[in-house]
Structure formats: C-alpha cells, structure tokens
Protein backbone atom coordinates (compact mmCIF):
# COMPACT_ATOMS: atom_id res chain seq x y z
CA ALA A 1 0.61 25.72 -3.56
CA GLN A 2 3.82 24.87 -5.43
CA LEU A 3 2.29 26.04 -8.72
CA TRP A 4 1.15 29.30 -7.14
CA SER A 5 4.42 30.15 -5.41
CA GLY A 6 6.51 29.15 -8.42
CA MET A 7 5.04 31.73 -10.83
CA ASP A 8 6.86 35.05 -11.25
CA GLY A 9 5.52 38.03 -9.38
CA LEU A 10 2.70 36.29 -7.60
CA ARG A 11 3.74 36.58 -3.97
CA GLY A 12 1.79 39.19 -2.06
CA VAL A 13 -0.80 39.67 -4.81
CA ASP A 14 -4.08 41.17 -3.60
CA VAL A 15 -6.94 38.90 -4.71
CA SER A 16 -9.19 41.88 -5.37
CA ASN A 17 -6.63 43.17 -7.85
CA VAL A 18 -6.54 39.84 -9.62
CA ILE A 19 -10.29 39.76 -10.09
CA ALA A 20 -10.73 43.46 -10.94
CA ILE A 21 -10.74 44.47 -14.63
CA PRO A 22 -8.36 47.33 -15.26
CA PRO A 23 -9.62 50.22 -17.40
CA PRO A 24 -6.84 50.24 -20.03
CA LEU A 25 -7.52 48.08 -23.09
CA VAL A 26 -3.89 46.99 -23.23
CA GLN A 27 -3.03 44.99 -20.11
CA SER A 28 0.45 44.50 -18.79
CA ARG A 29 2.11 41.09 -18.86
CA PHE A 30 2.04 41.16 -15.08
CA ILE A 31 -1.76 41.59 -14.98
CA ARG A 32 -2.27 38.81 -17.54
CA ARG A 33 -0.01 36.54 -15.53
CA ARG A 34 -1.95 37.19 -12.36
CA ARG A 35 -5.25 36.44 -14.05
CA PHE A 36 -3.91 33.27 -15.61
CA ALA A 37 -2.61 32.11 -12.24
CA ALA A 38 -5.93 32.88 -10.56
CA ALA A 39 -7.81 30.93 -13.24
CA ALA A 40 -5.36 28.04 -12.91
CA ALA A 41 -5.75 27.97 -9.15
CA ILE A 42 -9.56 27.98 -9.45
CA ALA A 43 -9.40 25.20 -12.06
CA ILE A 44 -7.16 23.09 -9.86
CA LEU A 45 -9.40 23.61 -6.82
CA THR A 46 -12.59 22.92 -8.79
CA GLY A 47 -11.11 19.88 -10.49
CA SER A 48 -9.83 18.44 -7.24
CA THR A 49 -13.16 18.99 -5.52
CA GLY A 50 -15.02 17.38 -8.40
CA TRP A 51 -12.64 14.41 -8.41
CA MET A 52 -13.09 13.89 -4.67
CA ALA A 53 -16.88 14.16 -4.90
CA ASN A 54 -16.95 11.72 -7.80
CA ARG A 55 -14.56 9.37 -6.03
CA ASN A 56 -16.69 9.32 -2.86
CA HIS A 57 -20.04 9.04 -4.73
CA LEU A 58 -21.80 10.98 -2.02
CA PHE A 59 -25.29 10.14 -3.30
CA ALA A 60 -24.82 6.35 -3.45
CA ASP A 61 -26.78 4.18 -1.00
CA GLU A 62 -23.67 2.33 0.15
CA ARG A 63 -20.05 3.41 -0.23
CA THR A 64 -16.61 2.87 1.20
CA THR A 65 -13.69 5.25 1.58
CA VAL A 66 -10.00 4.76 0.81
CA ALA A 67 -8.67 1.44 2.17
CA GLU A 68 -12.06 0.56 3.71
CA ASN A 69 -13.70 -2.82 3.01
CA ARG A 70 -17.21 -3.29 4.35
CA SER A 71 -19.91 -5.98 4.40
CA VAL A 72 -23.53 -4.95 3.85
CA THR A 73 -26.67 -7.05 4.22
CA LEU A 74 -29.27 -6.12 1.61
CA PRO A 75 -33.04 -5.94 2.26
CA ASP A 76 -33.61 -9.42 0.75
CA GLY A 77 -30.93 -11.05 2.90
CA SER A 78 -28.28 -11.07 0.19
CA ARG A 79 -24.81 -9.97 1.25
CA VAL A 80 -22.42 -7.69 -0.57
CA GLU A 81 -18.84 -6.97 0.40
CA LEU A 82 -17.62 -3.62 -0.88
CA ALA A 83 -13.95 -3.12 -1.66
CA ALA A 84 -12.16 0.15 -0.93
CA SER A 85 -13.35 3.31 -2.71
CA SER A 86 -16.49 1.59 -4.00
CA ALA A 87 -20.11 2.68 -4.25
CA LEU A 88 -23.46 1.18 -5.16
CA SER A 89 -27.14 2.06 -5.16
CA LEU A 90 -30.17 -0.15 -4.52
CA ASP A 91 -33.52 -0.34 -6.30
CA PHE A 92 -35.55 -3.16 -4.78
CA THR A 93 -39.21 -3.58 -5.78
CA GLN A 94 -41.82 -6.33 -5.49
CA THR A 95 -40.79 -7.71 -8.87
CA GLU A 96 -37.05 -7.06 -9.11
CA ARG A 97 -33.89 -6.63 -7.08
CA LYS A 98 -31.55 -4.18 -8.81
CA VAL A 99 -28.12 -2.95 -7.72
CA VAL A 100 -26.08 -0.32 -9.57
CA LEU A 101 -22.32 -0.50 -9.05
CA HIS A 102 -21.01 3.03 -9.54
CA ALA A 103 -17.33 2.50 -8.71
CA GLY A 104 -14.80 0.04 -7.38
CA GLU A 105 -15.45 -3.64 -6.74
CA ALA A 106 -18.01 -5.77 -4.94
CA PHE A 107 -18.49 -9.44 -4.06
CA PHE A 108 -22.10 -10.64 -3.98
CA VAL A 109 -23.62 -13.63 -2.19
CA VAL A 110 -27.21 -13.66 -3.39
CA ALA A 111 -30.23 -14.99 -1.52
CA LYS A 112 -32.47 -17.12 -3.73
CA ASP A 113 -35.82 -15.64 -4.72
CA ALA A 114 -37.34 -17.15 -7.84
CA SER A 115 -40.00 -14.44 -8.03
CA ARG A 116 -37.52 -11.54 -8.13
CA PRO A 117 -34.43 -11.65 -10.36
CA PHE A 118 -31.25 -10.16 -8.85
CA ARG A 119 -29.46 -7.89 -11.32
CA VAL A 120 -26.34 -5.77 -11.02
CA GLN A 121 -25.88 -2.91 -13.47
CA ALA A 122 -22.33 -1.80 -14.20
CA VAL A 123 -21.52 0.67 -16.98
CA ASP A 124 -23.95 -0.31 -19.79
CA GLY A 125 -24.12 -3.99 -18.92
CA SER A 126 -26.15 -6.09 -16.52
CA ILE A 127 -25.28 -9.22 -14.58
CA THR A 128 -28.26 -11.42 -13.74
CA ASP A 129 -27.81 -13.86 -10.90
CA ILE A 130 -29.28 -17.31 -10.61
CA GLY A 131 -28.59 -17.95 -6.88
CA THR A 132 -24.83 -17.60 -6.73
CA ALA A 133 -21.71 -15.80 -5.52
CA PHE A 134 -19.72 -13.58 -7.86
CA ASP A 135 -17.34 -10.63 -8.02
CA ILE A 136 -17.70 -7.50 -10.17
CA LYS A 137 -14.96 -4.92 -10.68
CA LEU A 138 -15.01 -1.68 -12.64
CA ALA A 139 -11.68 -1.32 -14.43
CA GLY A 140 -11.82 2.02 -16.21
CA ALA A 141 -14.21 1.56 -19.14
CA SER A 142 -14.22 -2.21 -18.64
CA VAL A 143 -16.11 -4.46 -16.24
CA ASP A 144 -14.76 -7.79 -14.95
CA VAL A 145 -17.15 -10.48 -13.74
CA ALA A 146 -15.95 -13.67 -12.01
CA VAL A 147 -18.13 -16.46 -10.59
CA THR A 148 -17.28 -18.64 -7.61
CA HIS A 149 -20.62 -20.45 -7.13
CA GLY A 150 -23.77 -20.84 -9.21
CA ILE A 151 -24.49 -19.21 -12.56
CA VAL A 152 -24.78 -15.64 -13.86
CA ASP A 153 -25.75 -14.18 -17.22
CA VAL A 154 -23.77 -11.18 -18.49
CA ALA A 155 -25.43 -8.99 -21.11
CA ILE A 156 -24.94 -5.65 -22.84
CA PRO A 157 -27.24 -3.95 -25.39
CA ASP A 158 -27.25 -5.40 -28.92
CA HIS A 159 -25.11 -8.42 -27.95
CA PRO A 160 -26.08 -11.96 -26.96
CA ALA A 161 -25.78 -12.75 -23.27
CA VAL A 162 -22.88 -14.84 -21.97
CA ARG A 163 -23.52 -17.43 -19.25
CA LEU A 164 -20.82 -17.97 -16.64
CA LYS A 165 -20.42 -21.00 -14.41
CA PRO A 166 -18.12 -21.39 -11.38
CA GLY A 167 -14.47 -20.81 -12.19
CA ARG A 168 -15.25 -18.68 -15.24
CA ALA A 169 -14.77 -14.95 -15.80
CA VAL A 170 -15.42 -12.43 -18.52
CA ARG A 171 -14.67 -8.79 -19.33
CA TYR A 172 -17.00 -6.49 -21.19
CA THR A 173 -17.07 -2.89 -22.41
CA ARG A 174 -19.73 -0.84 -24.14
CA ALA A 175 -18.39 -2.24 -27.43
CA GLY A 176 -18.76 -5.93 -26.64
CA ILE A 177 -18.12 -8.95 -24.44
CA ALA A 178 -14.78 -10.76 -24.60
CA ALA A 179 -14.51 -14.53 -24.69
CA PRO A 180 -14.94 -16.09 -21.22
CA LYS A 181 -11.85 -17.56 -19.58
CA THR A 182 -11.15 -20.12 -16.91
CA ILE A 183 -9.87 -18.83 -13.56
CA ASP A 184 -8.97 -20.18 -10.15
CA ALA A 185 -12.14 -19.52 -8.15
CA ALA A 186 -10.09 -19.57 -4.92
CA ASN A 187 -8.36 -16.35 -6.05
CA VAL A 188 -11.60 -14.44 -6.66
CA GLY A 189 -12.19 -11.73 -4.09
CA LEU A 190 -8.85 -12.06 -2.33
CA TRP A 191 -9.11 -8.33 -1.63
CA ARG A 192 -11.55 -9.32 1.14
CA GLU A 193 -8.52 -10.75 2.93
CA GLY A 194 -6.38 -7.68 2.30
CA ARG A 195 -4.55 -9.15 -0.69
CA LEU A 196 -4.54 -7.82 -4.25
CA ALA A 197 -3.81 -10.53 -6.82
CA PHE A 198 -2.98 -9.80 -10.46
CA ASP A 199 -2.37 -12.20 -13.33
CA ASN A 200 -0.95 -10.48 -16.40
CA VAL A 201 -3.01 -7.33 -15.74
CA PRO A 202 -2.13 -4.08 -17.59
CA LEU A 203 -0.11 -1.71 -15.41
CA PRO A 204 -2.65 1.17 -15.45
CA GLU A 205 -5.34 -1.15 -14.07
CA VAL A 206 -3.06 -2.35 -11.30
CA LEU A 207 -2.27 1.25 -10.36
CA ARG A 208 -5.98 2.10 -10.27
CA ASP A 209 -6.54 -0.77 -7.84
CA LEU A 210 -3.66 0.38 -5.64
CA GLU A 211 -5.02 3.92 -5.74
CA ARG A 212 -8.22 2.76 -4.04
CA TYR A 213 -6.16 1.75 -1.02
CA ARG A 214 -4.18 4.97 -0.57
CA ASP A 215 -4.81 8.71 -0.33
CA GLY A 216 -4.16 10.79 -3.42
CA ARG A 217 -3.54 9.92 -7.05
CA ILE A 218 -1.25 7.67 -9.08
CA VAL A 219 -0.89 9.13 -12.58
CA VAL A 220 0.62 7.34 -15.59
CA MET A 221 2.53 9.99 -17.53
CA ASP A 222 3.25 8.05 -20.75
CA LYS A 223 0.83 6.00 -22.86
CA ARG A 224 3.61 3.54 -23.69
CA LEU A 225 3.30 2.18 -20.15
CA ASP A 226 -0.16 0.86 -21.04
CA GLN A 227 1.62 -2.04 -22.76
CA LEU A 228 3.24 -3.26 -19.54
CA SER A 229 1.54 -5.93 -17.44
CA VAL A 230 1.83 -7.06 -13.83
CA SER A 231 1.58 -10.49 -12.24
CA GLY A 232 1.83 -10.94 -8.50
CA MET A 233 0.17 -10.47 -5.15
CA PHE A 234 0.41 -7.38 -2.94
CA ASP A 235 -0.59 -6.42 0.57
CA ALA A 236 -3.40 -3.85 0.23
CA SER A 237 -2.23 -2.10 3.40
CA ARG A 238 1.29 -1.53 2.00
CA THR A 239 0.74 0.25 -1.28
CA ASP A 240 4.09 2.06 -1.14
CA ALA A 241 5.85 -1.31 -0.95
CA ALA A 242 3.77 -2.51 -3.91
CA LEU A 243 4.80 0.55 -5.94
CA ASP A 244 8.46 -0.02 -5.07
CA THR A 245 8.18 -3.64 -6.21
CA ILE A 246 6.65 -2.56 -9.51
CA MET A 247 9.46 -0.05 -10.01
CA ARG A 248 12.09 -2.75 -9.37
CA THR A 249 10.54 -5.30 -11.70
CA LEU A 250 9.29 -3.14 -14.57
CA PRO A 251 11.01 -0.45 -16.65
CA VAL A 252 9.28 2.41 -14.86
CA ARG A 253 10.32 5.35 -12.72
CA LEU A 254 8.26 6.80 -9.87
CA VAL A 255 8.26 10.45 -8.87
CA ARG A 256 6.57 11.11 -5.53
CA VAL A 257 5.23 14.67 -5.34
CA THR A 258 4.27 14.60 -1.67
CA ARG A 259 2.53 11.48 -0.40
CA PHE A 260 -0.67 12.45 -2.23
CA LEU A 261 0.65 12.29 -5.79
CA VAL A 262 2.78 9.65 -7.54
CA LEU A 263 3.80 10.16 -11.17
CA VAL A 264 4.81 7.08 -13.19
CA TYR A 265 7.25 7.51 -16.07
CA PRO A 266 9.17 5.10 -18.32
CA ALA A 267 12.58 4.31 -16.90
CA ALA A 268 15.28 6.57 -18.28
C-alpha cells in the first residue's frame, strides 16, 4: 500500500485503464508508470502469496503455524514434536518408516522396530535412527542433527555416512558433512520449553529461528552481517525483546516497517 500510494500520479487510477493497451505506439510516461506500478503490485501480491503458501506447506501431512509447537504420535508409536512454522510428510510401509522434514525443526523419539528402519529425509540427506531421540533443524541450505539418546547415521549422496552418539551433533549441506562436534545434550530441543538457545550461531540463522515465532519477515539488508554471530538464550514468546537485545549487543540497526516487516542493517 505504501509503494502504491507513494508513486506519482497513481491515486484514483482506473484499473481498466491500467490494463488496457492504448492505440498510439508512443506511450506517455504517465501510462508507462501506471503499467509499471500495476506489474509491481501484482508481483508483490503474487510473491507474498507464494511465500505464505510455501511457509505453511499446505500439502504436508503435519504442520505448525507461527509460534505453534505441537506433539504428534506417528502410526508406529514414535513421537515427534514439531517446532513453530514446521512441516513434515509421512511415508510408512511394511518395510520402512520414512519422514520428510520440509521446513523448520522437529524432535523425534523413535519406537524400536528392527524390521522397519526409521529414516528422516531433510534436503538431500537422510538420518537413519537406531532406536533413539534426536533433533533435526533446517537452517537455510544446511541441516543440523543433534542426538540426545541412542545412535543415528547421517548420510548424503556420494559421501560416507557419519554415526552420531548421544551428546554429538553434525551439520550437513548438499556439498558435504562437517566434522561432528560435542554438545550439551541437555540443551537440545530447548525450544520445546519455549526457549531458543544459540551458541556462536551466525546472525541470519538466529533471525530465521526468531521469524518462525512471529508474524511477518525479518530481512537482513547487508551481506556483511552474515559474519556476525549470536550466543545466548531467548524467550520464544518475546521475539521483539530478543531483537532489541541483538541490536544492543551487536553492531546492527533495526528498522521496523509495521509489525510485519523488520529490516536489519549494519549500525551507522
């Protein structure tokens, strides 16, 4: 609405005139402006609708909305806790139990069944469970896997699998699997208690996590901010307070364009 009203000569424009093609080959600047504005408005509307549909994953078997955590019991008795703005699909057969994590984060407590492996697919990788409890989070093009109990194997095409035991975590992308690291298992899945914990996590990833617990978007406006990292714990129900804390402790500046859009710039 601000974009539309801010352009010269747009107020009171008849939509039929915007869409109609005038007969003269040479169009006035005013006509071109109107057409550009109409195209921009359509692009914004289409893009926003596509983003919302993608964010909600309407065709997933199980999904959560903004700031909603939910526990789901799977057909085999396994339990999965979905974090906010998350989605997954199920493909259970007589020989395999397969879950596809489309978005967000999920904590799995898997029921043992030696005859049917339990696998979670995320991006291009798969996590195979051997009777355990573990957390998986999609972080942009990366996937984080952390184990609290039991053992899991993490694999991607053309790379050897990595086995994780309790208190170990790993990150992978389509390009490869990073070296596993030791973690505090007690901190895995704290989001289930309404707390978001970060230990030297890049700022854009932290903002993506906060975005899942609030309406609208948080947009990083400068690639230099990718180099900043965040350590701390935030209340998932108070994302504005978390953003204010980040602004006070890091060299960043926040511009709130209504409550649905926050722009993040380097501090002046």
